[in-house]
Amino acid sequence: MDPLNENFLWASLLWGSLGGGVLLFGWRQKSSVPLLGGIALTLLSIFAGGALSMSALSILVLGLMWWVSR
């Protein structure tokens, strides 16, 4: 499987951008849950094996962030 196919690049753009936004939000609000979640999403967009696994893990991270923060 080629990790640099079109689906991987689009998923990486989507989840990396979302992770960067959440990271910036957590940094400015001095809140640890969005900060760590943003770091996790950004790292997932770089190191995940494929587009489907990246999307599944990113949704899991977002769900964990929601569960921890409520």
N, C-alpha and C. Protein backbone atom coordinates (compact mmCIF):
# COMPACT_ATOMS: atom_id res chain seq x y z
N MET A 1 0.85 -1.18 0.00
CA MET A 1 0.00 0.00 0.00
C MET A 1 0.89 1.24 0.00
N ASP A 2 0.62 2.13 -0.91
CA ASP A 2 1.37 3.38 -1.01
C ASP A 2 0.77 4.41 -0.06
N PRO A 3 1.51 4.89 0.96
CA PRO A 3 0.93 5.83 1.92
C PRO A 3 0.70 7.22 1.35
N LEU A 4 1.27 7.52 0.20
CA LEU A 4 1.08 8.85 -0.37
C LEU A 4 0.10 8.84 -1.54
N ASN A 5 -1.00 8.14 -1.38
CA ASN A 5 -2.02 8.19 -2.42
C ASN A 5 -2.97 9.35 -2.16
N GLU A 6 -3.90 9.56 -3.04
CA GLU A 6 -4.80 10.73 -2.96
C GLU A 6 -5.66 10.71 -1.70
N ASN A 7 -6.19 9.56 -1.34
CA ASN A 7 -7.05 9.47 -0.15
C ASN A 7 -6.27 9.81 1.13
N PHE A 8 -5.04 9.31 1.23
CA PHE A 8 -4.22 9.60 2.39
C PHE A 8 -3.92 11.10 2.49
N LEU A 9 -3.62 11.72 1.36
CA LEU A 9 -3.30 13.15 1.37
C LEU A 9 -4.51 14.00 1.77
N TRP A 10 -5.69 13.66 1.26
CA TRP A 10 -6.90 14.42 1.64
C TRP A 10 -7.25 14.22 3.10
N ALA A 11 -7.15 12.98 3.58
CA ALA A 11 -7.44 12.71 5.00
C ALA A 11 -6.42 13.41 5.89
N SER A 12 -5.16 13.40 5.48
CA SER A 12 -4.13 14.07 6.26
C SER A 12 -4.36 15.58 6.30
N LEU A 13 -4.79 16.16 5.19
CA LEU A 13 -5.10 17.58 5.16
C LEU A 13 -6.27 17.91 6.09
N LEU A 14 -7.31 17.10 6.04
CA LEU A 14 -8.50 17.33 6.86
C LEU A 14 -8.18 17.21 8.35
N TRP A 15 -7.61 16.07 8.75
CA TRP A 15 -7.38 15.82 10.18
C TRP A 15 -6.22 16.64 10.72
N GLY A 16 -5.23 16.94 9.90
CA GLY A 16 -4.13 17.79 10.33
C GLY A 16 -4.58 19.23 10.55
N SER A 17 -5.45 19.73 9.66
CA SER A 17 -5.98 21.08 9.82
C SER A 17 -6.86 21.18 11.06
N LEU A 18 -7.71 20.18 11.25
CA LEU A 18 -8.56 20.16 12.44
C LEU A 18 -7.71 20.05 13.70
N GLY A 19 -6.69 19.22 13.66
CA GLY A 19 -5.79 19.09 14.81
C GLY A 19 -5.05 20.37 15.10
N GLY A 20 -4.61 21.07 14.07
CA GLY A 20 -3.94 22.35 14.28
C GLY A 20 -4.86 23.39 14.89
N GLY A 21 -6.10 23.41 14.46
CA GLY A 21 -7.07 24.34 15.03
C GLY A 21 -7.37 24.04 16.49
N VAL A 22 -7.55 22.77 16.80
CA VAL A 22 -7.82 22.37 18.19
C VAL A 22 -6.59 22.64 19.06
N LEU A 23 -5.40 22.39 18.52
CA LEU A 23 -4.16 22.67 19.24
C LEU A 23 -4.04 24.16 19.55
N LEU A 24 -4.31 24.99 18.57
CA LEU A 24 -4.24 26.44 18.78
C LEU A 24 -5.28 26.90 19.80
N PHE A 25 -6.49 26.34 19.73
CA PHE A 25 -7.53 26.67 20.70
C PHE A 25 -7.09 26.29 22.12
N GLY A 26 -6.55 25.09 22.28
CA GLY A 26 -6.10 24.65 23.60
C GLY A 26 -4.95 25.48 24.11
N TRP A 27 -4.06 25.91 23.23
CA TRP A 27 -2.93 26.75 23.62
C TRP A 27 -3.41 28.10 24.13
N ARG A 28 -4.32 28.72 23.39
CA ARG A 28 -4.78 30.06 23.77
C ARG A 28 -5.69 30.04 25.00
N GLN A 29 -6.47 28.99 25.18
CA GLN A 29 -7.37 28.90 26.32
C GLN A 29 -6.68 28.31 27.55
N LYS A 30 -5.45 27.87 27.41
CA LYS A 30 -4.69 27.22 28.50
C LYS A 30 -5.45 26.02 29.05
N SER A 31 -6.00 25.22 28.12
CA SER A 31 -6.76 24.04 28.48
C SER A 31 -6.02 22.80 27.99
N SER A 32 -5.83 21.84 28.87
CA SER A 32 -4.99 20.69 28.52
C SER A 32 -5.68 19.68 27.61
N VAL A 33 -6.99 19.50 27.73
CA VAL A 33 -7.67 18.49 26.92
C VAL A 33 -7.61 18.85 25.43
N PRO A 34 -8.00 20.07 25.01
CA PRO A 34 -7.86 20.37 23.58
C PRO A 34 -6.41 20.44 23.11
N LEU A 35 -5.51 20.85 23.99
CA LEU A 35 -4.10 20.92 23.62
C LEU A 35 -3.55 19.53 23.31
N LEU A 36 -3.80 18.59 24.19
CA LEU A 36 -3.32 17.22 23.97
C LEU A 36 -4.06 16.55 22.82
N GLY A 37 -5.35 16.83 22.69
CA GLY A 37 -6.10 16.28 21.56
C GLY A 37 -5.61 16.82 20.24
N GLY A 38 -5.29 18.10 20.19
CA GLY A 38 -4.75 18.69 18.97
C GLY A 38 -3.39 18.11 18.61
N ILE A 39 -2.57 17.87 19.62
CA ILE A 39 -1.27 17.24 19.37
C ILE A 39 -1.47 15.83 18.83
N ALA A 40 -2.41 15.09 19.42
CA ALA A 40 -2.68 13.72 18.97
C ALA A 40 -3.21 13.71 17.53
N LEU A 41 -4.14 14.61 17.21
CA LEU A 41 -4.68 14.65 15.85
C LEU A 41 -3.60 15.03 14.83
N THR A 42 -2.74 15.96 15.20
CA THR A 42 -1.68 16.37 14.29
C THR A 42 -0.69 15.22 14.07
N LEU A 43 -0.33 14.52 15.13
CA LEU A 43 0.59 13.39 14.97
C LEU A 43 -0.05 12.24 14.20
N LEU A 44 -1.34 12.03 14.40
CA LEU A 44 -2.03 11.00 13.63
C LEU A 44 -2.02 11.31 12.14
N SER A 45 -2.17 12.58 11.79
CA SER A 45 -2.19 12.93 10.38
C SER A 45 -0.82 12.73 9.73
N ILE A 46 0.23 12.66 10.53
CA ILE A 46 1.56 12.44 9.98
C ILE A 46 1.91 10.95 9.95
N PHE A 47 1.62 10.23 11.04
CA PHE A 47 2.14 8.89 11.21
C PHE A 47 1.14 7.76 10.99
N ALA A 48 -0.11 8.04 10.70
CA ALA A 48 -1.09 6.97 10.52
C ALA A 48 -0.78 6.19 9.23
N GLY A 49 -1.16 4.93 9.22
CA GLY A 49 -0.81 4.06 8.11
C GLY A 49 -1.62 4.29 6.85
N GLY A 50 -2.88 4.56 6.97
CA GLY A 50 -3.72 4.76 5.80
C GLY A 50 -4.84 5.74 6.10
N ALA A 51 -5.59 6.10 5.08
CA ALA A 51 -6.64 7.09 5.24
C ALA A 51 -7.76 6.59 6.14
N LEU A 52 -8.15 5.34 5.99
CA LEU A 52 -9.25 4.80 6.80
C LEU A 52 -8.85 4.68 8.27
N SER A 53 -7.65 4.18 8.53
CA SER A 53 -7.21 4.06 9.92
C SER A 53 -7.00 5.44 10.54
N MET A 54 -6.50 6.40 9.75
CA MET A 54 -6.32 7.76 10.25
C MET A 54 -7.67 8.37 10.62
N SER A 55 -8.66 8.18 9.77
CA SER A 55 -9.98 8.75 10.04
C SER A 55 -10.62 8.10 11.26
N ALA A 56 -10.50 6.79 11.37
CA ALA A 56 -11.08 6.09 12.52
C ALA A 56 -10.41 6.52 13.83
N LEU A 57 -9.10 6.60 13.84
CA LEU A 57 -8.39 7.01 15.05
C LEU A 57 -8.65 8.47 15.39
N SER A 58 -8.79 9.32 14.38
CA SER A 58 -9.07 10.73 14.64
C SER A 58 -10.46 10.92 15.23
N ILE A 59 -11.42 10.17 14.73
CA ILE A 59 -12.77 10.23 15.30
C ILE A 59 -12.75 9.71 16.73
N LEU A 60 -11.96 8.69 16.99
CA LEU A 60 -11.82 8.16 18.35
C LEU A 60 -11.21 9.21 19.28
N VAL A 61 -10.19 9.91 18.82
CA VAL A 61 -9.56 10.97 19.63
C VAL A 61 -10.56 12.08 19.91
N LEU A 62 -11.33 12.49 18.91
CA LEU A 62 -12.33 13.53 19.12
C LEU A 62 -13.40 13.08 20.12
N GLY A 63 -13.80 11.82 20.04
CA GLY A 63 -14.76 11.28 21.00
C GLY A 63 -14.21 11.23 22.41
N LEU A 64 -12.94 10.86 22.53
CA LEU A 64 -12.31 10.85 23.85
C LEU A 64 -12.19 12.26 24.42
N MET A 65 -11.88 13.22 23.55
CA MET A 65 -11.81 14.61 24.02
C MET A 65 -13.16 15.07 24.54
N TRP A 66 -14.22 14.73 23.82
CA TRP A 66 -15.57 15.11 24.25
C TRP A 66 -15.92 14.43 25.57
N TRP A 67 -15.59 13.14 25.68
CA TRP A 67 -15.93 12.38 26.89
C TRP A 67 -15.18 12.91 28.11
N VAL A 68 -13.90 13.23 27.94
CA VAL A 68 -13.09 13.71 29.07
C VAL A 68 -13.54 15.11 29.49
N SER A 69 -13.93 15.94 28.53
CA SER A 69 -14.24 17.33 28.87
C SER A 69 -15.65 17.54 29.41
N ARG A 70 -16.51 16.54 29.34
CA ARG A 70 -17.87 16.77 29.85
C ARG A 70 -18.01 16.38 31.27
